[in-house]
C-alpha cells in the first residue's frame, strides 16, 4: 500500500503487487499521456487540472 498526495490536499491510497517505483512510473505515464481511465491518480490530476505529488509518495506497506 502507498499514498500519493495532491496539491489540493487530497490523498490517494493505492495497493499494488508491483514495486512502488514501477507503479509511480505508471501513474506518471498515464498523466503525461492523458489517459485518466488507466489511473485514479491520473483521472484526478487530468479532470481537475491538479498536480499529483508523485515525488512525495510514501510506502505504507509492501514492496519498495
PDB file of N, CA and C in Angstrom:
ATOM      1  N   UNK A   1       0.841  -1.181   0.000  1.00  0.00           N
ATOM      2  CA  UNK A   1       0.000   0.000   0.000  1.00  0.00           C
ATOM      3  C   UNK A   1       0.884   1.240   0.000  1.00  0.00           C
ATOM      4  N   UNK A   2       0.373   2.267  -0.647  1.00  0.00           N
ATOM      5  CA  UNK A   2       1.126   3.506  -0.755  1.00  0.00           C
ATOM      6  C   UNK A   2       0.159   4.681  -0.781  1.00  0.00           C
ATOM      7  N   UNK A   3       0.693   5.874  -0.540  1.00  0.00           N
ATOM      8  CA  UNK A   3      -0.128   7.082  -0.561  1.00  0.00           C
ATOM      9  C   UNK A   3       0.529   8.130  -1.435  1.00  0.00           C
ATOM     10  N   UNK A   4      -0.301   8.798  -2.241  1.00  0.00           N
ATOM     11  CA  UNK A   4       0.179   9.867  -3.110  1.00  0.00           C
ATOM     12  C   UNK A   4      -0.625  11.121  -2.789  1.00  0.00           C
ATOM     13  N   UNK A   5       0.034  12.180  -2.319  1.00  0.00           N
ATOM     14  CA  UNK A   5      -0.678  13.429  -2.045  1.00  0.00           C
ATOM     15  C   UNK A   5      -0.868  14.249  -3.321  1.00  0.00           C
ATOM     16  N   UNK A   6      -1.876  15.096  -3.287  1.00  0.00           N
ATOM     17  CA  UNK A   6      -2.140  16.029  -4.377  1.00  0.00           C
ATOM     18  C   UNK A   6      -1.973  17.442  -3.844  1.00  0.00           C
ATOM     19  N   UNK A   7      -1.712  18.370  -4.740  1.00  0.00           N
ATOM     20  CA  UNK A   7      -1.556  19.767  -4.338  1.00  0.00           C
ATOM     21  C   UNK A   7      -2.803  20.319  -3.664  1.00  0.00           C
ATOM     22  N   UNK A   8      -3.968  19.710  -3.905  1.00  0.00           N
ATOM     23  CA  UNK A   8      -5.226  20.206  -3.337  1.00  0.00           C
ATOM     24  C   UNK A   8      -5.447  19.701  -1.906  1.00  0.00           C
ATOM     25  N   UNK A   9      -4.569  18.822  -1.436  1.00  0.00           N
ATOM     26  CA  UNK A   9      -4.701  18.304  -0.084  1.00  0.00           C
ATOM     27  C   UNK A   9      -5.295  16.910  -0.014  1.00  0.00           C
ATOM     28  N   UNK A  10      -5.887  16.432  -1.109  1.00  0.00           N
ATOM     29  CA  UNK A  10      -6.424  15.070  -1.121  1.00  0.00           C
ATOM     30  C   UNK A  10      -5.274  14.085  -1.212  1.00  0.00           C
ATOM     31  N   UNK A  11      -5.537  12.883  -0.730  1.00  0.00           N
ATOM     32  CA  UNK A  11      -4.521  11.837  -0.734  1.00  0.00           C
ATOM     33  C   UNK A  11      -5.111  10.589  -1.363  1.00  0.00           C
ATOM     34  N   UNK A  12      -4.367  10.004  -2.300  1.00  0.00           N
ATOM     35  CA  UNK A  12      -4.761   8.753  -2.930  1.00  0.00           C
ATOM     36  C   UNK A  12      -4.046   7.624  -2.200  1.00  0.00           C
ATOM     37  N   UNK A  13      -4.798   6.609  -1.809  1.00  0.00           N
ATOM     38  CA  UNK A  13      -4.219   5.407  -1.206  1.00  0.00           C
ATOM     39  C   UNK A  13      -4.373   4.290  -2.227  1.00  0.00           C
ATOM     40  N   UNK A  14      -3.268   3.650  -2.565  1.00  0.00           N
ATOM     41  CA  UNK A  14      -3.304   2.593  -3.563  1.00  0.00           C
ATOM     42  C   UNK A  14      -2.666   1.319  -3.049  1.00  0.00           C
ATOM     43  N   UNK A  15      -2.969   0.248  -3.748  1.00  0.00           N
ATOM     44  CA  UNK A  15      -2.407  -1.052  -3.412  1.00  0.00           C
ATOM     45  C   UNK A  15      -1.985  -1.705  -4.712  1.00  0.00           C
ATOM     46  N   UNK A  16      -0.797  -2.274  -4.727  1.00  0.00           N
ATOM     47  CA  UNK A  16      -0.290  -2.891  -5.939  1.00  0.00           C
ATOM     48  C   UNK A  16       0.647  -4.028  -5.577  1.00  0.00           C
ATOM     49  N   UNK A  17       0.660  -5.043  -6.396  1.00  0.00           N
ATOM     50  CA  UNK A  17       1.596  -6.150  -6.225  1.00  0.00           C
ATOM     51  C   UNK A  17       2.944  -5.829  -6.855  1.00  0.00           C
ATOM     52  N   UNK A  18       3.017  -4.699  -7.556  1.00  0.00           N
ATOM     53  CA  UNK A  18       4.251  -4.280  -8.213  1.00  0.00           C
ATOM     54  C   UNK A  18       5.109  -3.471  -7.249  1.00  0.00           C
ATOM     55  N   UNK A  19       6.339  -3.220  -7.654  1.00  0.00           N
ATOM     56  CA  UNK A  19       7.181  -2.346  -6.842  1.00  0.00           C
ATOM     57  C   UNK A  19       6.593  -0.934  -6.875  1.00  0.00           C
ATOM     58  N   UNK A  20       6.844  -0.171  -5.846  1.00  0.00           N
ATOM     59  CA  UNK A  20       6.299   1.184  -5.756  1.00  0.00           C
ATOM     60  C   UNK A  20       6.873   2.061  -6.872  1.00  0.00           C
ATOM     61  N   UNK A  21       8.148   1.861  -7.218  1.00  0.00           N
ATOM     62  CA  UNK A  21       8.756   2.654  -8.287  1.00  0.00           C
ATOM     63  C   UNK A  21       8.055   2.408  -9.623  1.00  0.00           C
ATOM     64  N   UNK A  22       7.726   1.163  -9.908  1.00  0.00           N
ATOM     65  CA  UNK A  22       7.034   0.842 -11.156  1.00  0.00           C
ATOM     66  C   UNK A  22       5.639   1.441 -11.171  1.00  0.00           C
ATOM     67  N   UNK A  23       4.928   1.360 -10.061  1.00  0.00           N
ATOM     68  CA  UNK A  23       3.561   1.886 -10.019  1.00  0.00           C
ATOM     69  C   UNK A  23       3.550   3.409 -10.160  1.00  0.00           C
ATOM     70  N   UNK A  24       4.487   4.089  -9.532  1.00  0.00           N
ATOM     71  CA  UNK A  24       4.583   5.544  -9.669  1.00  0.00           C
ATOM     72  C   UNK A  24       4.871   5.899 -11.124  1.00  0.00           C
ATOM     73  N   UNK A  25       5.759   5.147 -11.744  1.00  0.00           N
ATOM     74  CA  UNK A  25       6.081   5.366 -13.152  1.00  0.00           C
ATOM     75  C   UNK A  25       4.838   5.200 -14.024  1.00  0.00           C
ATOM     76  N   UNK A  26       4.012   4.217 -13.719  1.00  0.00           N
ATOM     77  CA  UNK A  26       2.771   4.011 -14.473  1.00  0.00           C
ATOM     78  C   UNK A  26       1.806   5.177 -14.277  1.00  0.00           C
ATOM     79  N   UNK A  27       1.626   5.613 -13.037  1.00  0.00           N
ATOM     80  CA  UNK A  27       0.759   6.773 -12.780  1.00  0.00           C
ATOM     81  C   UNK A  27       1.255   7.981 -13.570  1.00  0.00           C
ATOM     82  N   UNK A  28       2.555   8.218 -13.534  1.00  0.00           N
ATOM     83  CA  UNK A  28       3.147   9.350 -14.235  1.00  0.00           C
ATOM     84  C   UNK A  28       2.883   9.253 -15.740  1.00  0.00           C
ATOM     85  N   UNK A  29       3.070   8.082 -16.306  1.00  0.00           N
ATOM     86  CA  UNK A  29       2.833   7.878 -17.736  1.00  0.00           C
ATOM     87  C   UNK A  29       1.380   8.143 -18.101  1.00  0.00           C
ATOM     88  N   UNK A  30       0.447   7.667 -17.292  1.00  0.00           N
ATOM     89  CA  UNK A  30      -0.977   7.869 -17.569  1.00  0.00           C
ATOM     90  C   UNK A  30      -1.354   9.348 -17.509  1.00  0.00           C
ATOM     91  N   UNK A  31      -0.744  10.080 -16.584  1.00  0.00           N
ATOM     92  CA  UNK A  31      -0.985  11.521 -16.501  1.00  0.00           C
ATOM     93  C   UNK A  31      -0.393  12.213 -17.732  1.00  0.00           C
ATOM     94  N   UNK A  32       0.842  11.889 -18.051  1.00  0.00           N
ATOM     95  CA  UNK A  32       1.541  12.514 -19.176  1.00  0.00           C
ATOM     96  C   UNK A  32       0.829  12.260 -20.508  1.00  0.00           C
ATOM     97  N   UNK A  33       0.279  11.043 -20.678  1.00  0.00           N
ATOM     98  CA  UNK A  33      -0.396  10.684 -21.927  1.00  0.00           C
ATOM     99  C   UNK A  33      -1.889  10.991 -21.905  1.00  0.00           C
ATOM    100  N   UNK A  34      -2.359  11.607 -20.804  1.00  0.00           N
ATOM    101  CA  UNK A  34      -3.773  11.983 -20.650  1.00  0.00           C
ATOM    102  C   UNK A  34      -4.695  10.779 -20.830  1.00  0.00           C
ATOM    103  N   UNK A  35      -4.433   9.733 -20.042  1.00  0.00           N
ATOM    104  CA  UNK A  35      -5.255   8.521 -20.054  1.00  0.00           C
ATOM    105  C   UNK A  35      -5.883   8.335 -18.671  1.00  0.00           C
ATOM    106  N   UNK A  36      -6.889   9.153 -18.334  1.00  0.00           N
ATOM    107  CA  UNK A  36      -7.475   9.101 -16.994  1.00  0.00           C
ATOM    108  C   UNK A  36      -8.154   7.773 -16.668  1.00  0.00           C
ATOM    109  N   UNK A  37      -8.552   7.031 -17.679  1.00  0.00           N
ATOM    110  CA  UNK A  37      -9.223   5.749 -17.433  1.00  0.00           C
ATOM    111  C   UNK A  37      -8.266   4.679 -16.919  1.00  0.00           C
ATOM    112  N   UNK A  38      -6.974   4.932 -16.984  1.00  0.00           N
ATOM    113  CA  UNK A  38      -5.970   3.954 -16.569  1.00  0.00           C
ATOM    114  C   UNK A  38      -5.512   4.125 -15.121  1.00  0.00           C
ATOM    115  N   UNK A  39      -5.825   5.277 -14.509  1.00  0.00           N
ATOM    116  CA  UNK A  39      -5.290   5.570 -13.186  1.00  0.00           C
ATOM    117  C   UNK A  39      -6.192   6.561 -12.462  1.00  0.00           C
ATOM    118  N   UNK A  40      -6.577   6.229 -11.239  1.00  0.00           N
ATOM    119  CA  UNK A  40      -7.392   7.162 -10.454  1.00  0.00           C
ATOM    120  C   UNK A  40      -6.608   8.434 -10.150  1.00  0.00           C
ATOM    121  N   UNK A  41      -5.314   8.303  -9.942  1.00  0.00           N
ATOM    122  CA  UNK A  41      -4.461   9.470  -9.715  1.00  0.00           C
ATOM    123  C   UNK A  41      -4.451  10.330 -10.973  1.00  0.00           C
ATOM    124  N   UNK A  42      -4.300   9.681 -12.122  1.00  0.00           N
ATOM    125  CA  UNK A  42      -4.324  10.391 -13.392  1.00  0.00           C
ATOM    126  C   UNK A  42      -5.665  11.052 -13.647  1.00  0.00           C
ATOM    127  N   UNK A  43      -6.730  10.351 -13.344  1.00  0.00           N
ATOM    128  CA  UNK A  43      -8.073  10.896 -13.531  1.00  0.00           C
ATOM    129  C   UNK A  43      -8.254  12.178 -12.711  1.00  0.00           C
ATOM    130  N   UNK A  44      -7.868  12.140 -11.457  1.00  0.00           N
ATOM    131  CA  UNK A  44      -7.983  13.315 -10.593  1.00  0.00           C
ATOM    132  C   UNK A  44      -7.136  14.463 -11.133  1.00  0.00           C
ATOM    133  N   UNK A  45      -5.894  14.170 -11.484  1.00  0.00           N
ATOM    134  CA  UNK A  45      -4.986  15.204 -11.983  1.00  0.00           C
ATOM    135  C   UNK A  45      -5.500  15.841 -13.271  1.00  0.00           C
ATOM    136  N   UNK A  46      -5.923  15.002 -14.196  1.00  0.00           N
ATOM    137  CA  UNK A  46      -6.357  15.482 -15.510  1.00  0.00           C
ATOM    138  C   UNK A  46      -7.694  16.220 -15.417  1.00  0.00           C
ATOM    139  N   UNK A  47      -8.662  15.636 -14.741  1.00  0.00           N
ATOM    140  CA  UNK A  47     -10.003  16.224 -14.692  1.00  0.00           C
ATOM    141  C   UNK A  47     -10.087  17.490 -13.856  1.00  0.00           C
ATOM    142  N   UNK A  48      -9.187  17.633 -12.891  1.00  0.00           N
ATOM    143  CA  UNK A  48      -9.221  18.797 -12.006  1.00  0.00           C
ATOM    144  C   UNK A  48      -8.068  19.766 -12.238  1.00  0.00           C
ATOM    145  N   UNK A  49      -7.228  19.462 -13.225  1.00  0.00           N
ATOM    146  CA  UNK A  49      -6.055  20.270 -13.518  1.00  0.00           C
ATOM    147  C   UNK A  49      -5.197  20.466 -12.266  1.00  0.00           C
ATOM    148  N   UNK A  50      -4.989  19.360 -11.552  1.00  0.00           N
ATOM    149  CA  UNK A  50      -4.173  19.352 -10.339  1.00  0.00           C
ATOM    150  C   UNK A  50      -2.860  18.645 -10.609  1.00  0.00           C
ATOM    151  N   UNK A  51      -1.905  18.907  -9.758  1.00  0.00           N
ATOM    152  CA  UNK A  51      -0.621  18.232  -9.840  1.00  0.00           C
ATOM    153  C   UNK A  51      -0.510  17.247  -8.691  1.00  0.00           C
ATOM    154  N   UNK A  52      -0.473  15.957  -9.034  1.00  0.00           N
ATOM    155  CA  UNK A  52      -0.248  14.936  -8.013  1.00  0.00           C
ATOM    156  C   UNK A  52       1.227  14.959  -7.656  1.00  0.00           C
ATOM    157  N   UNK A  53       1.510  14.872  -6.379  1.00  0.00           N
ATOM    158  CA  UNK A  53       2.890  14.947  -5.906  1.00  0.00           C
ATOM    159  C   UNK A  53       3.494  13.547  -5.862  1.00  0.00           C
ATOM    160  N   UNK A  54       3.727  12.995  -7.056  1.00  0.00           N
ATOM    161  CA  UNK A  54       4.259  11.640  -7.156  1.00  0.00           C
ATOM    162  C   UNK A  54       5.598  11.500  -6.446  1.00  0.00           C
ATOM    163  N   UNK A  55       6.382  12.559  -6.439  1.00  0.00           N
ATOM    164  CA  UNK A  55       7.693  12.528  -5.783  1.00  0.00           C
ATOM    165  C   UNK A  55       7.562  12.411  -4.265  1.00  0.00           C
ATOM    166  N   UNK A  56       6.377  12.693  -3.730  1.00  0.00           N
ATOM    167  CA  UNK A  56       6.145  12.605  -2.285  1.00  0.00           C
ATOM    168  C   UNK A  56       5.391  11.334  -1.889  1.00  0.00           C
ATOM    169  N   UNK A  57       5.348  10.361  -2.788  1.00  0.00           N
ATOM    170  CA  UNK A  57       4.684   9.084  -2.498  1.00  0.00           C
ATOM    171  C   UNK A  57       5.360   8.421  -1.307  1.00  0.00           C
ATOM    172  N   UNK A  58       4.540   7.895  -0.412  1.00  0.00           N
ATOM    173  CA  UNK A  58       5.046   7.194   0.765  1.00  0.00           C
ATOM    174  C   UNK A  58       4.568   5.751   0.739  1.00  0.00           C
ATOM    175  N   UNK A  59       5.452   4.839   0.992  1.00  0.00           N
ATOM    176  CA  UNK A  59       5.111   3.429   1.097  1.00  0.00           C
ATOM    177  C   UNK A  59       4.522   3.178   2.468  1.00  0.00           C
ATOM    178  N   UNK A  60       3.328   2.606   2.507  1.00  0.00           N
ATOM    179  CA  UNK A  60       2.679   2.289   3.776  1.00  0.00           C
ATOM    180  C   UNK A  60       2.967   0.851   4.183  1.00  0.00           C
ATOM    181  N   UNK A  61       2.958  -0.041   3.196  1.00  0.00           N
ATOM    182  CA  UNK A  61       3.329  -1.438   3.424  1.00  0.00           C
ATOM    183  C   UNK A  61       3.523  -2.102   2.071  1.00  0.00           C
ATOM    184  N   UNK A  62       4.306  -3.150   2.017  1.00  0.00           N
ATOM    185  CA  UNK A  62       4.504  -3.874   0.767  1.00  0.00           C
ATOM    186  C   UNK A  62       5.882  -3.674   0.185  1.00  0.00           C
ATOM    187  N   UNK A  63       5.958  -3.787  -1.145  1.00  0.00           N
ATOM    188  CA  UNK A  63       7.229  -3.741  -1.870  1.00  0.00           C
ATOM    189  C   UNK A  63       7.750  -2.315  -2.021  1.00  0.00           C
ATOM    190  N   UNK A  64       9.060  -2.165  -1.914  1.00  0.00           N
ATOM    191  CA  UNK A  64       9.686  -0.851  -2.104  1.00  0.00           C
ATOM    192  C   UNK A  64      10.060  -0.618  -3.535  1.00  0.00           C
TER     193      UNK A  64
END
